[in-house]
């Protein structure tokens, strides 16, 4: 049971780091920039 809990925490932390990284970058393609959810906008560092 503890192993499963540890794995779930690691997955959650990895997902959060991915969201923070995406919130602070822009799309390299000039024609399309998808709308970010408000929850992800709150993770921005600037």
PDB file of N, CA and C in Angstrom:
ATOM      1  N   UNK A   1       0.815  -1.183   0.000  1.00  0.00           N
ATOM      2  CA  UNK A   1       0.000   0.000   0.000  1.00  0.00           C
ATOM      3  C   UNK A   1       0.866   1.259   0.000  1.00  0.00           C
ATOM      4  N   UNK A   2       1.954   1.251   0.765  1.00  0.00           N
ATOM      5  CA  UNK A   2       2.823   2.415   0.808  1.00  0.00           C
ATOM      6  C   UNK A   2       3.514   2.650  -0.526  1.00  0.00           C
ATOM      7  N   UNK A   3       3.843   1.570  -1.224  1.00  0.00           N
ATOM      8  CA  UNK A   3       4.513   1.697  -2.514  1.00  0.00           C
ATOM      9  C   UNK A   3       3.598   2.389  -3.525  1.00  0.00           C
ATOM     10  N   UNK A   4       2.318   2.024  -3.498  1.00  0.00           N
ATOM     11  CA  UNK A   4       1.359   2.640  -4.406  1.00  0.00           C
ATOM     12  C   UNK A   4       1.206   4.130  -4.089  1.00  0.00           C
ATOM     13  N   UNK A   5       1.180   4.478  -2.826  1.00  0.00           N
ATOM     14  CA  UNK A   5       1.065   5.867  -2.402  1.00  0.00           C
ATOM     15  C   UNK A   5       2.276   6.674  -2.864  1.00  0.00           C
ATOM     16  N   UNK A   6       3.451   6.094  -2.739  1.00  0.00           N
ATOM     17  CA  UNK A   6       4.677   6.764  -3.170  1.00  0.00           C
ATOM     18  C   UNK A   6       4.665   7.002  -4.676  1.00  0.00           C
ATOM     19  N   UNK A   7       4.222   6.020  -5.431  1.00  0.00           N
ATOM     20  CA  UNK A   7       4.163   6.149  -6.886  1.00  0.00           C
ATOM     21  C   UNK A   7       3.180   7.247  -7.283  1.00  0.00           C
ATOM     22  N   UNK A   8       2.024   7.301  -6.629  1.00  0.00           N
ATOM     23  CA  UNK A   8       1.029   8.324  -6.934  1.00  0.00           C
ATOM     24  C   UNK A   8       1.554   9.724  -6.624  1.00  0.00           C
ATOM     25  N   UNK A   9       2.306   9.864  -5.538  1.00  0.00           N
ATOM     26  CA  UNK A   9       2.897  11.156  -5.196  1.00  0.00           C
ATOM     27  C   UNK A   9       3.923  11.571  -6.241  1.00  0.00           C
ATOM     28  N   UNK A  10       4.718  10.622  -6.715  1.00  0.00           N
ATOM     29  CA  UNK A  10       5.728  10.921  -7.729  1.00  0.00           C
ATOM     30  C   UNK A  10       5.070  11.338  -9.046  1.00  0.00           C
ATOM     31  N   UNK A  11       3.993  10.665  -9.425  1.00  0.00           N
ATOM     32  CA  UNK A  11       3.277  11.011 -10.656  1.00  0.00           C
ATOM     33  C   UNK A  11       2.676  12.409 -10.529  1.00  0.00           C
ATOM     34  N   UNK A  12       2.096  12.725  -9.390  1.00  0.00           N
ATOM     35  CA  UNK A  12       1.499  14.041  -9.175  1.00  0.00           C
ATOM     36  C   UNK A  12       2.554  15.141  -9.233  1.00  0.00           C
ATOM     37  N   UNK A  13       3.705  14.893  -8.633  1.00  0.00           N
ATOM     38  CA  UNK A  13       4.775  15.892  -8.630  1.00  0.00           C
ATOM     39  C   UNK A  13       5.325  16.109 -10.047  1.00  0.00           C
ATOM     40  N   UNK A  14       5.458  15.031 -10.804  1.00  0.00           N
ATOM     41  CA  UNK A  14       5.928  15.133 -12.189  1.00  0.00           C
ATOM     42  C   UNK A  14       4.926  15.904 -13.041  1.00  0.00           C
ATOM     43  N   UNK A  15       3.644  15.645 -12.849  1.00  0.00           N
ATOM     44  CA  UNK A  15       2.614  16.357 -13.609  1.00  0.00           C
ATOM     45  C   UNK A  15       2.615  17.845 -13.267  1.00  0.00           C
ATOM     46  N   UNK A  16       2.805  18.176 -11.998  1.00  0.00           N
ATOM     47  CA  UNK A  16       2.836  19.577 -11.594  1.00  0.00           C
ATOM     48  C   UNK A  16       4.038  20.295 -12.212  1.00  0.00           C
ATOM     49  N   UNK A  17       5.192  19.642 -12.226  1.00  0.00           N
ATOM     50  CA  UNK A  17       6.381  20.248 -12.829  1.00  0.00           C
ATOM     51  C   UNK A  17       6.186  20.459 -14.322  1.00  0.00           C
ATOM     52  N   UNK A  18       5.520  19.530 -14.985  1.00  0.00           N
ATOM     53  CA  UNK A  18       5.243  19.672 -16.417  1.00  0.00           C
ATOM     54  C   UNK A  18       4.319  20.862 -16.665  1.00  0.00           C
ATOM     55  N   UNK A  19       3.330  21.055 -15.804  1.00  0.00           N
ATOM     56  CA  UNK A  19       2.410  22.195 -15.951  1.00  0.00           C
ATOM     57  C   UNK A  19       3.138  23.519 -15.741  1.00  0.00           C
ATOM     58  N   UNK A  20       4.015  23.570 -14.748  1.00  0.00           N
ATOM     59  CA  UNK A  20       4.777  24.796 -14.495  1.00  0.00           C
ATOM     60  C   UNK A  20       5.653  25.119 -15.698  1.00  0.00           C
ATOM     61  N   UNK A  21       6.280  24.111 -16.256  1.00  0.00           N
ATOM     62  CA  UNK A  21       7.146  24.328 -17.420  1.00  0.00           C
ATOM     63  C   UNK A  21       6.331  24.838 -18.612  1.00  0.00           C
ATOM     64  N   UNK A  22       5.172  24.247 -18.851  1.00  0.00           N
ATOM     65  CA  UNK A  22       4.324  24.665 -19.964  1.00  0.00           C
ATOM     66  C   UNK A  22       3.760  26.061 -19.744  1.00  0.00           C
ATOM     67  N   UNK A  23       3.489  26.434 -18.507  1.00  0.00           N
ATOM     68  CA  UNK A  23       2.932  27.753 -18.211  1.00  0.00           C
ATOM     69  C   UNK A  23       3.941  28.857 -18.505  1.00  0.00           C
ATOM     70  N   UNK A  24       5.218  28.537 -18.441  1.00  0.00           N
ATOM     71  CA  UNK A  24       6.259  29.544 -18.628  1.00  0.00           C
ATOM     72  C   UNK A  24       6.890  29.515 -20.018  1.00  0.00           C
ATOM     73  N   UNK A  25       6.312  28.781 -20.947  1.00  0.00           N
ATOM     74  CA  UNK A  25       6.817  28.758 -22.313  1.00  0.00           C
ATOM     75  C   UNK A  25       5.694  29.124 -23.271  1.00  0.00           C
ATOM     76  N   UNK A  26       6.073  29.495 -24.467  1.00  0.00           N
ATOM     77  CA  UNK A  26       5.069  29.803 -25.485  1.00  0.00           C
ATOM     78  C   UNK A  26       5.209  28.822 -26.639  1.00  0.00           C
ATOM     79  N   UNK A  27       4.215  28.797 -27.479  1.00  0.00           N
ATOM     80  CA  UNK A  27       4.203  27.879 -28.610  1.00  0.00           C
ATOM     81  C   UNK A  27       5.206  28.360 -29.664  1.00  0.00           C
ATOM     82  N   UNK A  28       6.065  27.487 -30.179  1.00  0.00           N
ATOM     83  CA  UNK A  28       7.034  27.906 -31.189  1.00  0.00           C
ATOM     84  C   UNK A  28       6.409  28.138 -32.560  1.00  0.00           C
ATOM     85  N   UNK A  29       5.196  27.676 -32.764  1.00  0.00           N
ATOM     86  CA  UNK A  29       4.526  27.854 -34.050  1.00  0.00           C
ATOM     87  C   UNK A  29       3.741  29.157 -34.000  1.00  0.00           C
ATOM     88  N   UNK A  30       3.903  29.991 -35.005  1.00  0.00           N
ATOM     89  CA  UNK A  30       3.303  31.318 -35.000  1.00  0.00           C
ATOM     90  C   UNK A  30       1.779  31.302 -35.095  1.00  0.00           C
ATOM     91  N   UNK A  31       1.191  30.252 -35.659  1.00  0.00           N
ATOM     92  CA  UNK A  31      -0.234  30.295 -35.959  1.00  0.00           C
ATOM     93  C   UNK A  31      -1.124  29.729 -34.869  1.00  0.00           C
ATOM     94  N   UNK A  32      -0.602  29.016 -33.915  1.00  0.00           N
ATOM     95  CA  UNK A  32      -1.476  28.367 -32.933  1.00  0.00           C
ATOM     96  C   UNK A  32      -0.897  28.398 -31.538  1.00  0.00           C
ATOM     97  N   UNK A  33      -1.624  29.005 -30.624  1.00  0.00           N
ATOM     98  CA  UNK A  33      -1.285  29.011 -29.205  1.00  0.00           C
ATOM     99  C   UNK A  33      -2.563  28.665 -28.448  1.00  0.00           C
ATOM    100  N   UNK A  34      -2.690  27.434 -27.928  1.00  0.00           N
ATOM    101  CA  UNK A  34      -3.922  27.043 -27.251  1.00  0.00           C
ATOM    102  C   UNK A  34      -4.148  27.867 -25.982  1.00  0.00           C
ATOM    103  N   UNK A  35      -5.399  28.023 -25.604  1.00  0.00           N
ATOM    104  CA  UNK A  35      -5.751  28.755 -24.388  1.00  0.00           C
ATOM    105  C   UNK A  35      -5.353  27.931 -23.167  1.00  0.00           C
ATOM    106  N   UNK A  36      -4.763  28.605 -22.185  1.00  0.00           N
ATOM    107  CA  UNK A  36      -4.366  27.933 -20.953  1.00  0.00           C
ATOM    108  C   UNK A  36      -5.497  28.030 -19.940  1.00  0.00           C
ATOM    109  N   UNK A  37      -5.734  26.974 -19.196  1.00  0.00           N
ATOM    110  CA  UNK A  37      -6.709  27.044 -18.105  1.00  0.00           C
ATOM    111  C   UNK A  37      -6.235  28.013 -17.017  1.00  0.00           C
ATOM    112  N   UNK A  38      -7.170  28.572 -16.277  1.00  0.00           N
ATOM    113  CA  UNK A  38      -6.829  29.521 -15.214  1.00  0.00           C
ATOM    114  C   UNK A  38      -5.928  28.886 -14.151  1.00  0.00           C
ATOM    115  N   UNK A  39      -6.129  27.623 -13.862  1.00  0.00           N
ATOM    116  CA  UNK A  39      -5.302  26.948 -12.843  1.00  0.00           C
ATOM    117  C   UNK A  39      -3.839  26.893 -13.283  1.00  0.00           C
ATOM    118  N   UNK A  40      -3.585  26.739 -14.565  1.00  0.00           N
ATOM    119  CA  UNK A  40      -2.207  26.700 -15.057  1.00  0.00           C
ATOM    120  C   UNK A  40      -1.628  28.106 -15.092  1.00  0.00           C
ATOM    121  N   UNK A  41      -2.444  29.110 -15.400  1.00  0.00           N
ATOM    122  CA  UNK A  41      -1.957  30.502 -15.427  1.00  0.00           C
ATOM    123  C   UNK A  41      -1.450  30.934 -14.058  1.00  0.00           C
ATOM    124  N   UNK A  42      -2.008  30.379 -12.998  1.00  0.00           N
ATOM    125  CA  UNK A  42      -1.572  30.734 -11.653  1.00  0.00           C
ATOM    126  C   UNK A  42      -0.174  30.217 -11.341  1.00  0.00           C
ATOM    127  N   UNK A  43       0.328  29.270 -12.120  1.00  0.00           N
ATOM    128  CA  UNK A  43       1.651  28.695 -11.902  1.00  0.00           C
ATOM    129  C   UNK A  43       2.765  29.512 -12.562  1.00  0.00           C
ATOM    130  N   UNK A  44       2.387  30.539 -13.315  1.00  0.00           N
ATOM    131  CA  UNK A  44       3.398  31.328 -14.033  1.00  0.00           C
ATOM    132  C   UNK A  44       4.310  32.047 -13.066  1.00  0.00           C
ATOM    133  N   UNK A  45       5.566  32.233 -13.454  1.00  0.00           N
ATOM    134  CA  UNK A  45       6.550  32.845 -12.572  1.00  0.00           C
ATOM    135  C   UNK A  45       6.797  34.304 -12.891  1.00  0.00           C
ATOM    136  N   UNK A  46       6.127  34.855 -13.889  1.00  0.00           N
ATOM    137  CA  UNK A  46       6.328  36.275 -14.203  1.00  0.00           C
ATOM    138  C   UNK A  46       5.040  36.996 -14.258  1.00  0.00           C
TER     139      UNK A  46
END
